[in-house]
Protein backbone atom coordinates (compact mmCIF):
# COMPACT_ATOMS: atom_id res chain seq x y z
CA MET A 1 -39.84 -39.65 31.36
CA ALA A 2 -36.93 -40.10 28.99
CA GLN A 3 -37.69 -36.77 27.34
CA ASP A 4 -37.81 -35.00 30.71
CA SER A 5 -34.39 -36.35 31.71
CA ARG A 6 -32.93 -35.35 28.34
CA GLN A 7 -34.30 -31.81 28.69
CA ASN A 8 -32.81 -31.54 32.17
CA ASN A 9 -29.43 -32.72 30.90
CA THR A 10 -29.38 -30.30 27.97
CA LYS A 11 -30.85 -27.39 29.96
CA PHE A 12 -28.33 -24.65 30.67
CA THR A 13 -28.28 -23.32 34.22
CA PHE A 14 -27.08 -19.90 35.34
CA VAL A 15 -23.92 -21.51 36.73
CA ASP A 16 -23.08 -23.15 33.41
CA LEU A 17 -23.77 -19.91 31.57
CA ALA A 18 -21.56 -17.96 33.98
CA ILE A 19 -18.71 -20.47 33.56
CA VAL A 20 -18.94 -20.27 29.76
CA ILE A 21 -18.93 -16.45 29.85
CA ILE A 22 -15.93 -16.37 32.21
CA VAL A 23 -13.94 -18.84 30.10
CA LEU A 24 -14.72 -16.97 26.86
CA SER A 25 -13.82 -13.66 28.50
CA ILE A 26 -10.45 -15.00 29.72
CA LEU A 27 -9.64 -16.52 26.33
CA THR A 28 -10.60 -13.29 24.56
CA LEU A 29 -8.53 -11.19 26.96
CA MET A 30 -5.50 -13.43 26.50
CA ALA A 31 -5.90 -13.36 22.72
CA ILE A 32 -6.06 -9.54 22.75
CA LEU A 33 -2.98 -9.29 24.97
CA TYR A 34 -1.05 -11.71 22.73
CA THR A 35 -2.00 -9.83 19.57
CA LEU A 36 -1.07 -6.42 20.99
CA PRO A 37 2.26 -5.01 19.67
CA CYS A 38 3.55 -4.51 23.23
CA GLY A 39 1.42 -7.06 25.07
CA THR A 40 2.38 -7.84 28.66
CA LEU A 41 2.01 -11.59 28.04
CA SER A 42 4.03 -11.48 24.83
CA PRO A 43 7.32 -13.47 25.07
CA SER A 44 9.22 -10.79 23.14
CA GLY A 45 8.08 -7.57 24.78
């Protein structure tokens, strides 16, 4: 039974996968905007 509980704890659900994708997408978008020469989020536009 211990193995079953461990598998359930380490098993990724669609919700977890969606959250990870959304977070990575936001971080990537912010990184791109910050690295752009005339990024909208850049302090010195």
